[in-house]
Amino acid sequence: MIMNYFQTRLSILIALLAAVLFIPLFIFRSLGPVDFWWWMSFNLVLLIGLSLAADKSFSGLILSDIKSMPARKVSMGILSALILYGIFFIGNGLIRLLCPLAGKGIGQVYGFKAGASPLRIVLLMALLIGPGEELFWRGFLQRRWQSFFGPVAGWLISTALYALIHAGSGNLMLVLAAVVCGLFWGALYLRYRSVLLIAVSHTLWDLLVFIVAPFA
């Protein structure tokens, strides 16, 4: 119990560091020669490294997850990414119909791609950003907070923080997207306890939305 309490306090400190790292990222989008995509990647490498150091069982859980029915989890990850894309496809049409100004906010989200080559975005999304976000937000934070605050509370608190760091962008559409995605991937993790599944889902969804079939 004492160890669980200590690890939860440590996870809260790491979560506060994540806010410190990510909020300026969404406000400024670049740091000198370092653009949004490199900055995002650096933040995730740092946070995942701290997560692995703070929770000695984390690496073992990841390995056992990968070894247990990987084909099924990858298939479910692909299917869930397509479902989530469908939700956004419908939502995109509805919100543009109900609020014409929403199109401007959606278009601004794609401004994050400015100045970066599509190939670099694809590689960073596929190899680091998509998997890395799920390793940190769900695999580490949500898992730790579910064990301390309870399954539903841990899911909702981690989702709230995930949405909050996107608020630095000042873009309501991006924040709403983060809420929907955080709830969706968090629910998948709550149900299946598989980082592999949600990492595949997140990565494929990122590629669909930003590269393959964007909404703006």
N, C-alpha and C. Protein backbone atom coordinates (compact mmCIF):
# COMPACT_ATOMS: atom_id res chain seq x y z
N MET A 1 0.83 -1.20 0.00
CA MET A 1 0.00 0.00 0.00
C MET A 1 0.87 1.26 0.00
N ILE A 2 1.91 1.26 0.82
CA ILE A 2 2.81 2.42 0.90
C ILE A 2 3.52 2.62 -0.43
N MET A 3 3.96 1.50 -1.04
CA MET A 3 4.64 1.60 -2.32
C MET A 3 3.69 2.11 -3.41
N ASN A 4 2.45 1.64 -3.37
CA ASN A 4 1.45 2.10 -4.34
C ASN A 4 1.21 3.60 -4.19
N TYR A 5 1.12 4.07 -2.96
CA TYR A 5 0.92 5.50 -2.69
C TYR A 5 2.11 6.31 -3.20
N PHE A 6 3.31 5.81 -2.94
CA PHE A 6 4.52 6.52 -3.39
C PHE A 6 4.57 6.58 -4.91
N GLN A 7 4.27 5.47 -5.58
CA GLN A 7 4.32 5.45 -7.03
C GLN A 7 3.25 6.36 -7.63
N THR A 8 2.10 6.46 -6.98
CA THR A 8 1.06 7.35 -7.47
C THR A 8 1.48 8.81 -7.34
N ARG A 9 2.09 9.15 -6.19
CA ARG A 9 2.60 10.52 -6.02
C ARG A 9 3.65 10.83 -7.07
N LEU A 10 4.48 9.87 -7.37
CA LEU A 10 5.52 10.05 -8.39
C LEU A 10 4.88 10.22 -9.77
N SER A 11 3.84 9.46 -10.05
CA SER A 11 3.16 9.59 -11.34
C SER A 11 2.50 10.96 -11.48
N ILE A 12 2.03 11.53 -10.37
CA ILE A 12 1.43 12.87 -10.41
C ILE A 12 2.50 13.91 -10.72
N LEU A 13 3.68 13.76 -10.16
CA LEU A 13 4.78 14.67 -10.46
C LEU A 13 5.18 14.58 -11.92
N ILE A 14 5.23 13.36 -12.45
CA ILE A 14 5.57 13.18 -13.87
C ILE A 14 4.46 13.77 -14.74
N ALA A 15 3.21 13.65 -14.32
CA ALA A 15 2.10 14.25 -15.06
C ALA A 15 2.21 15.77 -15.08
N LEU A 16 2.61 16.36 -13.97
CA LEU A 16 2.81 17.82 -13.92
C LEU A 16 3.94 18.23 -14.85
N LEU A 17 4.99 17.42 -14.90
CA LEU A 17 6.08 17.69 -15.83
C LEU A 17 5.58 17.62 -17.27
N ALA A 18 4.70 16.64 -17.55
CA ALA A 18 4.13 16.53 -18.90
C ALA A 18 3.38 17.79 -19.28
N ALA A 19 2.63 18.35 -18.33
CA ALA A 19 1.92 19.61 -18.60
C ALA A 19 2.90 20.73 -18.89
N VAL A 20 3.98 20.79 -18.13
CA VAL A 20 5.00 21.82 -18.34
C VAL A 20 5.66 21.68 -19.70
N LEU A 21 5.84 20.45 -20.14
CA LEU A 21 6.49 20.20 -21.43
C LEU A 21 5.54 20.42 -22.61
N PHE A 22 4.29 19.98 -22.46
CA PHE A 22 3.38 19.97 -23.62
C PHE A 22 2.63 21.28 -23.83
N ILE A 23 2.27 21.98 -22.76
CA ILE A 23 1.50 23.22 -22.95
C ILE A 23 2.28 24.25 -23.77
N PRO A 24 3.56 24.51 -23.46
CA PRO A 24 4.31 25.43 -24.33
C PRO A 24 4.45 24.92 -25.76
N LEU A 25 4.53 23.60 -25.92
CA LEU A 25 4.60 23.03 -27.26
C LEU A 25 3.39 23.44 -28.09
N PHE A 26 2.20 23.35 -27.51
CA PHE A 26 1.00 23.70 -28.25
C PHE A 26 0.81 25.21 -28.38
N ILE A 27 1.42 25.98 -27.47
CA ILE A 27 1.34 27.44 -27.59
C ILE A 27 2.26 27.95 -28.69
N PHE A 28 3.53 27.51 -28.64
CA PHE A 28 4.56 28.09 -29.52
C PHE A 28 4.84 27.26 -30.78
N ARG A 29 4.62 25.94 -30.72
CA ARG A 29 4.77 25.02 -31.84
C ARG A 29 6.22 24.80 -32.29
N SER A 30 7.11 25.65 -31.92
CA SER A 30 8.52 25.45 -32.27
C SER A 30 9.39 26.07 -31.20
N LEU A 31 10.62 25.60 -31.14
CA LEU A 31 11.59 26.11 -30.17
C LEU A 31 12.90 26.32 -30.93
N GLY A 32 13.08 27.53 -31.46
CA GLY A 32 14.25 27.78 -32.31
C GLY A 32 14.17 26.91 -33.55
N PRO A 33 15.23 26.15 -33.83
CA PRO A 33 15.21 25.28 -35.01
C PRO A 33 14.40 23.99 -34.81
N VAL A 34 13.93 23.75 -33.59
CA VAL A 34 13.19 22.52 -33.28
C VAL A 34 11.70 22.77 -33.54
N ASP A 35 11.13 22.07 -34.53
CA ASP A 35 9.72 22.28 -34.84
C ASP A 35 8.83 21.41 -33.96
N PHE A 36 7.53 21.51 -34.20
CA PHE A 36 6.54 20.82 -33.37
C PHE A 36 6.82 19.33 -33.29
N TRP A 37 7.15 18.68 -34.39
CA TRP A 37 7.25 17.22 -34.44
C TRP A 37 8.48 16.71 -33.71
N TRP A 38 9.61 17.43 -33.83
CA TRP A 38 10.80 17.05 -33.07
C TRP A 38 10.59 17.32 -31.58
N TRP A 39 9.95 18.44 -31.27
CA TRP A 39 9.71 18.81 -29.87
C TRP A 39 8.79 17.78 -29.22
N MET A 40 7.71 17.43 -29.90
CA MET A 40 6.81 16.40 -29.40
C MET A 40 7.54 15.08 -29.15
N SER A 41 8.38 14.70 -30.10
CA SER A 41 9.12 13.44 -29.98
C SER A 41 10.07 13.48 -28.79
N PHE A 42 10.77 14.59 -28.60
CA PHE A 42 11.68 14.72 -27.46
C PHE A 42 10.92 14.60 -26.14
N ASN A 43 9.79 15.30 -26.04
CA ASN A 43 8.98 15.24 -24.82
C ASN A 43 8.58 13.81 -24.47
N LEU A 44 8.16 13.06 -25.49
CA LEU A 44 7.71 11.70 -25.25
C LEU A 44 8.85 10.77 -24.85
N VAL A 45 10.00 10.92 -25.49
CA VAL A 45 11.16 10.11 -25.11
C VAL A 45 11.52 10.36 -23.64
N LEU A 46 11.52 11.63 -23.24
CA LEU A 46 11.84 11.98 -21.86
C LEU A 46 10.81 11.40 -20.89
N LEU A 47 9.54 11.58 -21.19
CA LEU A 47 8.49 11.14 -20.28
C LEU A 47 8.41 9.62 -20.18
N ILE A 48 8.60 8.93 -21.30
CA ILE A 48 8.58 7.47 -21.26
C ILE A 48 9.78 6.95 -20.48
N GLY A 49 10.93 7.58 -20.66
CA GLY A 49 12.11 7.18 -19.89
C GLY A 49 11.87 7.35 -18.39
N LEU A 50 11.27 8.47 -17.99
CA LEU A 50 10.96 8.69 -16.58
C LEU A 50 9.92 7.70 -16.08
N SER A 51 8.96 7.37 -16.92
CA SER A 51 7.92 6.42 -16.53
C SER A 51 8.50 5.03 -16.27
N LEU A 52 9.40 4.61 -17.15
CA LEU A 52 10.03 3.31 -16.99
C LEU A 52 10.89 3.28 -15.72
N ALA A 53 11.55 4.40 -15.43
CA ALA A 53 12.39 4.47 -14.24
C ALA A 53 11.54 4.50 -12.97
N ALA A 54 10.39 5.16 -13.04
CA ALA A 54 9.54 5.31 -11.86
C ALA A 54 8.75 4.05 -11.54
N ASP A 55 8.44 3.25 -12.57
CA ASP A 55 7.63 2.06 -12.37
C ASP A 55 8.40 0.86 -12.94
N LYS A 56 9.05 0.14 -12.08
CA LYS A 56 9.92 -0.97 -12.51
C LYS A 56 9.15 -2.10 -13.18
N SER A 57 7.85 -2.19 -12.94
CA SER A 57 7.06 -3.26 -13.55
C SER A 57 6.59 -2.90 -14.96
N PHE A 58 6.75 -1.63 -15.35
CA PHE A 58 6.19 -1.14 -16.60
C PHE A 58 6.75 -1.88 -17.82
N SER A 59 8.07 -2.02 -17.89
CA SER A 59 8.69 -2.67 -19.05
C SER A 59 8.23 -4.13 -19.17
N GLY A 60 8.12 -4.82 -18.04
CA GLY A 60 7.66 -6.21 -18.07
C GLY A 60 6.24 -6.33 -18.55
N LEU A 61 5.38 -5.39 -18.15
CA LEU A 61 3.99 -5.40 -18.60
C LEU A 61 3.90 -5.18 -20.10
N ILE A 62 4.75 -4.30 -20.63
CA ILE A 62 4.76 -4.03 -22.07
C ILE A 62 5.16 -5.29 -22.83
N LEU A 63 6.22 -5.95 -22.37
CA LEU A 63 6.70 -7.16 -23.05
C LEU A 63 5.66 -8.27 -23.02
N SER A 64 5.03 -8.47 -21.89
CA SER A 64 4.02 -9.54 -21.80
C SER A 64 2.80 -9.20 -22.65
N ASP A 65 2.49 -7.93 -22.76
CA ASP A 65 1.38 -7.49 -23.60
C ASP A 65 1.66 -7.81 -25.07
N ILE A 66 2.88 -7.54 -25.51
CA ILE A 66 3.26 -7.79 -26.90
C ILE A 66 3.26 -9.29 -27.21
N LYS A 67 3.65 -10.09 -26.24
CA LYS A 67 3.76 -11.53 -26.47
C LYS A 67 2.41 -12.25 -26.44
N SER A 68 1.41 -11.65 -25.81
CA SER A 68 0.11 -12.30 -25.63
C SER A 68 -0.86 -11.91 -26.74
N MET A 69 -1.14 -12.84 -27.65
CA MET A 69 -2.11 -12.67 -28.73
C MET A 69 -1.88 -11.38 -29.53
N PRO A 70 -0.66 -11.14 -30.02
CA PRO A 70 -0.37 -9.88 -30.72
C PRO A 70 -1.22 -9.67 -31.97
N ALA A 71 -1.47 -10.75 -32.74
CA ALA A 71 -2.25 -10.60 -33.97
C ALA A 71 -3.66 -10.10 -33.67
N ARG A 72 -4.26 -10.64 -32.64
CA ARG A 72 -5.62 -10.23 -32.26
C ARG A 72 -5.63 -8.77 -31.83
N LYS A 73 -4.64 -8.37 -31.06
CA LYS A 73 -4.59 -6.99 -30.57
C LYS A 73 -4.32 -6.00 -31.71
N VAL A 74 -3.44 -6.38 -32.64
CA VAL A 74 -3.18 -5.51 -33.79
C VAL A 74 -4.44 -5.37 -34.64
N SER A 75 -5.16 -6.47 -34.85
CA SER A 75 -6.40 -6.43 -35.63
C SER A 75 -7.44 -5.54 -34.97
N MET A 76 -7.56 -5.67 -33.66
CA MET A 76 -8.51 -4.84 -32.92
C MET A 76 -8.08 -3.38 -32.94
N GLY A 77 -6.77 -3.14 -32.91
CA GLY A 77 -6.27 -1.77 -32.99
C GLY A 77 -6.62 -1.14 -34.32
N ILE A 78 -6.46 -1.90 -35.41
CA ILE A 78 -6.80 -1.40 -36.75
C ILE A 78 -8.29 -1.11 -36.84
N LEU A 79 -9.10 -2.05 -36.37
CA LEU A 79 -10.55 -1.87 -36.43
C LEU A 79 -10.99 -0.66 -35.61
N SER A 80 -10.43 -0.51 -34.42
CA SER A 80 -10.83 0.62 -33.57
C SER A 80 -10.39 1.96 -34.17
N ALA A 81 -9.25 1.99 -34.86
CA ALA A 81 -8.81 3.21 -35.53
C ALA A 81 -9.79 3.60 -36.63
N LEU A 82 -10.28 2.61 -37.37
CA LEU A 82 -11.25 2.87 -38.44
C LEU A 82 -12.58 3.35 -37.86
N ILE A 83 -12.98 2.77 -36.73
CA ILE A 83 -14.21 3.21 -36.05
C ILE A 83 -14.07 4.66 -35.59
N LEU A 84 -12.94 4.97 -34.97
CA LEU A 84 -12.72 6.33 -34.48
C LEU A 84 -12.66 7.33 -35.64
N TYR A 85 -12.03 6.93 -36.75
CA TYR A 85 -12.00 7.80 -37.92
C TYR A 85 -13.43 8.03 -38.41
N GLY A 86 -14.26 6.99 -38.41
CA GLY A 86 -15.66 7.14 -38.82
C GLY A 86 -16.41 8.11 -37.92
N ILE A 87 -16.15 8.03 -36.60
CA ILE A 87 -16.77 8.96 -35.66
C ILE A 87 -16.38 10.40 -36.00
N PHE A 88 -15.11 10.61 -36.28
CA PHE A 88 -14.64 11.96 -36.62
C PHE A 88 -15.17 12.40 -37.98
N PHE A 89 -15.31 11.46 -38.90
CA PHE A 89 -15.84 11.80 -40.23
C PHE A 89 -17.27 12.34 -40.09
N ILE A 90 -18.08 11.65 -39.30
CA ILE A 90 -19.45 12.10 -39.07
C ILE A 90 -19.46 13.41 -38.28
N GLY A 91 -18.62 13.46 -37.24
CA GLY A 91 -18.55 14.66 -36.41
C GLY A 91 -18.09 15.88 -37.19
N ASN A 92 -17.15 15.67 -38.10
CA ASN A 92 -16.65 16.76 -38.93
C ASN A 92 -17.78 17.38 -39.76
N GLY A 93 -18.59 16.52 -40.37
CA GLY A 93 -19.71 17.02 -41.16
C GLY A 93 -20.74 17.74 -40.32
N LEU A 94 -21.06 17.18 -39.16
CA LEU A 94 -22.09 17.78 -38.31
C LEU A 94 -21.64 19.12 -37.74
N ILE A 95 -20.40 19.18 -37.25
CA ILE A 95 -19.97 20.42 -36.60
C ILE A 95 -19.79 21.55 -37.61
N ARG A 96 -19.40 21.22 -38.83
CA ARG A 96 -19.31 22.25 -39.88
C ARG A 96 -20.70 22.74 -40.25
N LEU A 97 -21.70 21.87 -40.21
CA LEU A 97 -23.07 22.24 -40.52
C LEU A 97 -23.66 23.13 -39.42
N LEU A 98 -23.41 22.75 -38.17
CA LEU A 98 -23.98 23.47 -37.04
C LEU A 98 -23.23 24.75 -36.72
N CYS A 99 -21.92 24.75 -36.98
CA CYS A 99 -21.09 25.91 -36.66
C CYS A 99 -20.08 26.13 -37.78
N PRO A 100 -20.43 26.98 -38.75
CA PRO A 100 -19.55 27.20 -39.90
C PRO A 100 -18.14 27.65 -39.52
N LEU A 101 -18.00 28.34 -38.40
CA LEU A 101 -16.67 28.80 -37.98
C LEU A 101 -15.76 27.66 -37.55
N ALA A 102 -16.36 26.49 -37.29
CA ALA A 102 -15.56 25.34 -36.86
C ALA A 102 -14.55 24.94 -37.93
N GLY A 103 -14.90 25.17 -39.20
CA GLY A 103 -13.98 24.82 -40.28
C GLY A 103 -12.64 25.52 -40.15
N LYS A 104 -12.66 26.76 -39.67
CA LYS A 104 -11.42 27.51 -39.49
C LYS A 104 -10.54 26.83 -38.44
N GLY A 105 -11.15 26.43 -37.32
CA GLY A 105 -10.39 25.77 -36.26
C GLY A 105 -9.83 24.44 -36.71
N ILE A 106 -10.63 23.70 -37.49
CA ILE A 106 -10.16 22.41 -38.00
C ILE A 106 -8.98 22.62 -38.95
N GLY A 107 -9.10 23.64 -39.81
CA GLY A 107 -8.01 23.94 -40.73
C GLY A 107 -6.73 24.32 -40.00
N GLN A 108 -6.88 25.04 -38.87
CA GLN A 108 -5.70 25.46 -38.11
C GLN A 108 -4.96 24.28 -37.50
N VAL A 109 -5.68 23.20 -37.21
CA VAL A 109 -5.01 22.01 -36.67
C VAL A 109 -3.96 21.51 -37.65
N TYR A 110 -4.30 21.57 -38.93
CA TYR A 110 -3.37 21.08 -39.96
C TYR A 110 -2.20 22.03 -40.18
N GLY A 111 -2.27 23.21 -39.56
CA GLY A 111 -1.13 24.11 -39.61
C GLY A 111 0.09 23.57 -38.88
N PHE A 112 -0.13 22.55 -38.01
CA PHE A 112 1.00 21.93 -37.32
C PHE A 112 1.94 21.23 -38.31
N LYS A 113 1.45 20.93 -39.49
CA LYS A 113 2.28 20.25 -40.49
C LYS A 113 3.20 21.22 -41.24
N ALA A 114 2.96 22.52 -41.10
CA ALA A 114 3.69 23.51 -41.88
C ALA A 114 5.19 23.40 -41.67
N GLY A 115 5.94 23.35 -42.77
CA GLY A 115 7.39 23.35 -42.70
C GLY A 115 8.03 22.00 -42.47
N ALA A 116 7.22 20.97 -42.22
CA ALA A 116 7.77 19.63 -41.98
C ALA A 116 7.44 18.74 -43.18
N SER A 117 8.39 17.92 -43.59
CA SER A 117 8.14 17.04 -44.73
C SER A 117 7.15 15.95 -44.33
N PRO A 118 6.26 15.58 -45.24
CA PRO A 118 5.30 14.50 -44.95
C PRO A 118 5.99 13.21 -44.53
N LEU A 119 7.13 12.90 -45.13
CA LEU A 119 7.83 11.67 -44.79
C LEU A 119 8.29 11.68 -43.34
N ARG A 120 8.82 12.82 -42.88
CA ARG A 120 9.28 12.91 -41.49
C ARG A 120 8.10 12.80 -40.53
N ILE A 121 6.99 13.44 -40.88
CA ILE A 121 5.80 13.35 -40.03
C ILE A 121 5.33 11.90 -39.93
N VAL A 122 5.29 11.21 -41.06
CA VAL A 122 4.85 9.81 -41.07
C VAL A 122 5.77 8.95 -40.20
N LEU A 123 7.07 9.11 -40.37
CA LEU A 123 8.02 8.30 -39.62
C LEU A 123 7.92 8.57 -38.12
N LEU A 124 7.85 9.84 -37.74
CA LEU A 124 7.77 10.16 -36.31
C LEU A 124 6.45 9.70 -35.72
N MET A 125 5.37 9.87 -36.47
CA MET A 125 4.07 9.39 -35.98
C MET A 125 4.06 7.88 -35.80
N ALA A 126 4.57 7.17 -36.80
CA ALA A 126 4.49 5.71 -36.80
C ALA A 126 5.44 5.07 -35.79
N LEU A 127 6.62 5.65 -35.64
CA LEU A 127 7.65 5.01 -34.81
C LEU A 127 7.71 5.55 -33.39
N LEU A 128 7.25 6.78 -33.18
CA LEU A 128 7.45 7.38 -31.87
C LEU A 128 6.20 8.02 -31.29
N ILE A 129 5.60 8.94 -32.03
CA ILE A 129 4.54 9.76 -31.45
C ILE A 129 3.28 8.94 -31.14
N GLY A 130 2.77 8.19 -32.11
CA GLY A 130 1.57 7.39 -31.87
C GLY A 130 1.77 6.38 -30.74
N PRO A 131 2.76 5.50 -30.86
CA PRO A 131 3.00 4.53 -29.78
C PRO A 131 3.40 5.21 -28.47
N GLY A 132 4.21 6.27 -28.57
CA GLY A 132 4.72 6.93 -27.37
C GLY A 132 3.62 7.58 -26.54
N GLU A 133 2.66 8.21 -27.22
CA GLU A 133 1.56 8.83 -26.47
C GLU A 133 0.77 7.78 -25.69
N GLU A 134 0.54 6.64 -26.30
CA GLU A 134 -0.22 5.61 -25.59
C GLU A 134 0.58 4.96 -24.47
N LEU A 135 1.87 4.78 -24.69
CA LEU A 135 2.72 4.26 -23.61
C LEU A 135 2.65 5.17 -22.40
N PHE A 136 2.70 6.48 -22.63
CA PHE A 136 2.71 7.41 -21.50
C PHE A 136 1.32 7.65 -20.93
N TRP A 137 0.38 8.12 -21.75
CA TRP A 137 -0.91 8.57 -21.23
C TRP A 137 -1.77 7.42 -20.71
N ARG A 138 -1.83 6.34 -21.42
CA ARG A 138 -2.64 5.22 -20.98
C ARG A 138 -1.82 4.15 -20.26
N GLY A 139 -0.71 3.72 -20.89
CA GLY A 139 0.07 2.63 -20.32
C GLY A 139 0.69 2.96 -18.97
N PHE A 140 1.09 4.21 -18.80
CA PHE A 140 1.68 4.60 -17.52
C PHE A 140 0.68 5.35 -16.64
N LEU A 141 0.24 6.56 -17.07
CA LEU A 141 -0.57 7.39 -16.19
C LEU A 141 -1.92 6.76 -15.87
N GLN A 142 -2.68 6.39 -16.90
CA GLN A 142 -4.00 5.85 -16.61
C GLN A 142 -3.91 4.57 -15.79
N ARG A 143 -2.96 3.73 -16.11
CA ARG A 143 -2.80 2.48 -15.34
C ARG A 143 -2.51 2.76 -13.88
N ARG A 144 -1.57 3.69 -13.62
CA ARG A 144 -1.23 4.01 -12.23
C ARG A 144 -2.41 4.62 -11.51
N TRP A 145 -3.12 5.52 -12.19
CA TRP A 145 -4.23 6.23 -11.54
C TRP A 145 -5.46 5.35 -11.38
N GLN A 146 -5.64 4.38 -12.29
CA GLN A 146 -6.72 3.42 -12.10
C GLN A 146 -6.50 2.59 -10.84
N SER A 147 -5.24 2.24 -10.59
CA SER A 147 -4.95 1.39 -9.43
C SER A 147 -5.12 2.15 -8.12
N PHE A 148 -5.01 3.48 -8.18
CA PHE A 148 -5.09 4.27 -6.94
C PHE A 148 -6.47 4.92 -6.77
N PHE A 149 -6.98 5.54 -7.83
CA PHE A 149 -8.25 6.27 -7.73
C PHE A 149 -9.46 5.42 -8.10
N GLY A 150 -9.21 4.26 -8.72
CA GLY A 150 -10.30 3.43 -9.21
C GLY A 150 -10.34 3.46 -10.73
N PRO A 151 -10.88 2.41 -11.36
CA PRO A 151 -10.82 2.29 -12.82
C PRO A 151 -11.43 3.48 -13.57
N VAL A 152 -12.67 3.84 -13.22
CA VAL A 152 -13.35 4.91 -13.97
C VAL A 152 -12.73 6.27 -13.65
N ALA A 153 -12.45 6.53 -12.39
CA ALA A 153 -11.86 7.81 -12.01
C ALA A 153 -10.48 7.98 -12.64
N GLY A 154 -9.68 6.93 -12.64
CA GLY A 154 -8.35 7.01 -13.25
C GLY A 154 -8.43 7.29 -14.74
N TRP A 155 -9.41 6.67 -15.40
CA TRP A 155 -9.64 6.90 -16.83
C TRP A 155 -10.01 8.36 -17.09
N LEU A 156 -10.96 8.89 -16.30
CA LEU A 156 -11.46 10.25 -16.53
C LEU A 156 -10.42 11.31 -16.16
N ILE A 157 -9.67 11.09 -15.09
CA ILE A 157 -8.67 12.07 -14.69
C ILE A 157 -7.55 12.15 -15.71
N SER A 158 -7.09 11.00 -16.19
CA SER A 158 -6.02 11.01 -17.20
C SER A 158 -6.51 11.61 -18.51
N THR A 159 -7.78 11.38 -18.86
CA THR A 159 -8.34 11.98 -20.06
C THR A 159 -8.44 13.50 -19.91
N ALA A 160 -8.82 13.96 -18.73
CA ALA A 160 -8.93 15.40 -18.49
C ALA A 160 -7.57 16.09 -18.66
N LEU A 161 -6.52 15.47 -18.13
CA LEU A 161 -5.19 16.05 -18.28
C LEU A 161 -4.74 16.02 -19.74
N TYR A 162 -5.05 14.93 -20.43
CA TYR A 162 -4.71 14.80 -21.84
C TYR A 162 -5.36 15.92 -22.66
N ALA A 163 -6.62 16.22 -22.35
CA ALA A 163 -7.31 17.31 -23.04
C ALA A 163 -6.75 18.66 -22.63
N LEU A 164 -6.42 18.82 -21.36
CA LEU A 164 -5.94 20.09 -20.85
C LEU A 164 -4.66 20.55 -21.54
N ILE A 165 -3.73 19.63 -21.79
CA ILE A 165 -2.47 20.06 -22.39
C ILE A 165 -2.68 20.54 -23.83
N HIS A 166 -3.75 20.08 -24.48
CA HIS A 166 -4.05 20.57 -25.82
C HIS A 166 -4.67 21.96 -25.80
N ALA A 167 -5.17 22.39 -24.62
CA ALA A 167 -5.79 23.71 -24.52
C ALA A 167 -4.78 24.83 -24.76
N GLY A 168 -3.49 24.53 -24.61
CA GLY A 168 -2.47 25.53 -24.89
C GLY A 168 -2.52 26.03 -26.32
N SER A 169 -3.10 25.24 -27.22
CA SER A 169 -3.20 25.63 -28.62
C SER A 169 -4.20 26.76 -28.82
N GLY A 170 -5.13 26.92 -27.87
CA GLY A 170 -6.19 27.90 -28.02
C GLY A 170 -7.20 27.50 -29.08
N ASN A 171 -7.18 26.25 -29.49
CA ASN A 171 -8.05 25.77 -30.57
C ASN A 171 -9.09 24.82 -29.99
N LEU A 172 -10.35 25.29 -29.96
CA LEU A 172 -11.41 24.50 -29.35
C LEU A 172 -11.60 23.16 -30.06
N MET A 173 -11.44 23.15 -31.40
CA MET A 173 -11.62 21.91 -32.15
C MET A 173 -10.57 20.87 -31.76
N LEU A 174 -9.34 21.32 -31.53
CA LEU A 174 -8.27 20.40 -31.12
C LEU A 174 -8.54 19.85 -29.72
N VAL A 175 -9.03 20.72 -28.84
CA VAL A 175 -9.33 20.28 -27.47
C VAL A 175 -10.48 19.26 -27.49
N LEU A 176 -11.52 19.53 -28.27
CA LEU A 176 -12.63 18.59 -28.37
C LEU A 176 -12.16 17.25 -28.94
N ALA A 177 -11.29 17.32 -29.95
CA ALA A 177 -10.74 16.09 -30.52
C ALA A 177 -9.96 15.31 -29.47
N ALA A 178 -9.19 16.03 -28.64
CA ALA A 178 -8.41 15.37 -27.60
C ALA A 178 -9.32 14.72 -26.56
N VAL A 179 -10.44 15.36 -26.24
CA VAL A 179 -11.39 14.77 -25.29
C VAL A 179 -11.96 13.46 -25.85
N VAL A 180 -12.40 13.52 -27.11
CA VAL A 180 -12.99 12.33 -27.73
C VAL A 180 -11.97 11.20 -27.82
N CYS A 181 -10.76 11.54 -28.30
CA CYS A 181 -9.72 10.51 -28.44
C CYS A 181 -9.29 9.97 -27.08
N GLY A 182 -9.13 10.86 -26.10
CA GLY A 182 -8.72 10.41 -24.77
C GLY A 182 -9.74 9.47 -24.16
N LEU A 183 -11.02 9.81 -24.30
CA LEU A 183 -12.07 8.93 -23.78
C LEU A 183 -12.10 7.60 -24.52
N PHE A 184 -11.93 7.65 -25.85
CA PHE A 184 -12.00 6.45 -26.67
C PHE A 184 -10.84 5.50 -26.37
N TRP A 185 -9.60 6.00 -26.45
CA TRP A 185 -8.45 5.13 -26.19
C TRP A 185 -8.38 4.73 -24.72
N GLY A 186 -8.79 5.65 -23.84
CA GLY A 186 -8.82 5.30 -22.42
C GLY A 186 -9.81 4.20 -22.13
N ALA A 187 -10.97 4.22 -22.80
CA ALA A 187 -11.97 3.17 -22.62
C ALA A 187 -11.46 1.83 -23.14
N LEU A 188 -10.74 1.88 -24.28
CA LEU A 188 -10.15 0.65 -24.81
C LEU A 188 -9.15 0.06 -23.83
N TYR A 189 -8.33 0.94 -23.24
CA TYR A 189 -7.34 0.45 -22.27
C TYR A 189 -8.03 -0.07 -21.01
N LEU A 190 -9.07 0.63 -20.59
CA LEU A 190 -9.83 0.21 -19.41
C LEU A 190 -10.41 -1.19 -19.62
N ARG A 191 -10.84 -1.46 -20.87
CA ARG A 191 -11.49 -2.74 -21.17
C ARG A 191 -10.47 -3.85 -21.42
N TYR A 192 -9.41 -3.55 -22.21
CA TYR A 192 -8.52 -4.62 -22.67
C TYR A 192 -7.13 -4.61 -22.03
N ARG A 193 -6.78 -3.54 -21.36
CA ARG A 193 -5.48 -3.45 -20.68
C ARG A 193 -4.31 -3.74 -21.63
N SER A 194 -4.40 -3.28 -22.85
CA SER A 194 -3.36 -3.56 -23.84
C SER A 194 -2.85 -2.27 -24.46
N VAL A 195 -1.59 -1.96 -24.19
CA VAL A 195 -0.96 -0.80 -24.82
C VAL A 195 -0.72 -1.07 -26.30
N LEU A 196 -0.44 -2.34 -26.65
CA LEU A 196 -0.23 -2.67 -28.06
C LEU A 196 -1.48 -2.33 -28.87
N LEU A 197 -2.63 -2.72 -28.39
CA LEU A 197 -3.88 -2.46 -29.10
C LEU A 197 -4.08 -0.96 -29.32
N ILE A 198 -3.98 -0.17 -28.27
CA ILE A 198 -4.26 1.27 -28.41
C ILE A 198 -3.12 2.00 -29.12
N ALA A 199 -1.89 1.48 -29.05
CA ALA A 199 -0.79 2.10 -29.80
C ALA A 199 -1.03 1.95 -31.30
N VAL A 200 -1.48 0.77 -31.72
CA VAL A 200 -1.82 0.55 -33.13
C VAL A 200 -2.97 1.46 -33.53
N SER A 201 -4.00 1.53 -32.68
CA SER A 201 -5.16 2.36 -32.96
C SER A 201 -4.77 3.83 -33.11
N HIS A 202 -4.00 4.33 -32.16
CA HIS A 202 -3.59 5.74 -32.16
C HIS A 202 -2.73 6.05 -33.38
N THR A 203 -1.78 5.20 -33.67
CA THR A 203 -0.85 5.43 -34.78
C THR A 203 -1.59 5.45 -36.12
N LEU A 204 -2.44 4.47 -36.34
CA LEU A 204 -3.17 4.41 -37.60
C LEU A 204 -4.13 5.59 -37.73
N TRP A 205 -4.80 5.94 -36.64
CA TRP A 205 -5.71 7.09 -36.67
C TRP A 205 -4.96 8.38 -36.99
N ASP A 206 -3.81 8.58 -36.36
CA ASP A 206 -2.98 9.76 -36.67
C ASP A 206 -2.66 9.83 -38.16
N LEU A 207 -2.23 8.72 -38.72
CA LEU A 207 -1.85 8.70 -40.13
C LEU A 207 -3.05 8.95 -41.04
N LEU A 208 -4.21 8.40 -40.69
CA LEU A 208 -5.41 8.63 -41.48
C LEU A 208 -5.81 10.11 -41.45
N VAL A 209 -5.82 10.68 -40.25
CA VAL A 209 -6.32 12.04 -40.09
C VAL A 209 -5.35 13.10 -40.63
N PHE A 210 -4.06 12.87 -40.44
CA PHE A 210 -3.09 13.89 -40.83
C PHE A 210 -2.53 13.70 -42.23
N ILE A 211 -2.47 12.47 -42.71
CA ILE A 211 -1.76 12.21 -43.97
C ILE A 211 -2.67 11.61 -45.05
N VAL A 212 -3.33 10.51 -44.74
CA VAL A 212 -4.04 9.74 -45.77
C VAL A 212 -5.34 10.40 -46.19
N ALA A 213 -6.19 10.75 -45.24
CA ALA A 213 -7.51 11.31 -45.57
C ALA A 213 -7.87 12.42 -44.57
N PRO A 214 -7.14 13.54 -44.62
CA PRO A 214 -7.40 14.64 -43.67
C PRO A 214 -8.76 15.28 -43.88
N PHE A 215 -9.23 16.00 -42.86
CA PHE A 215 -10.53 16.65 -42.91
C PHE A 215 -10.46 18.09 -43.40
N ALA A 216 -9.28 18.58 -43.70
CA ALA A 216 -9.12 19.94 -44.22
C ALA A 216 -7.96 19.96 -45.18
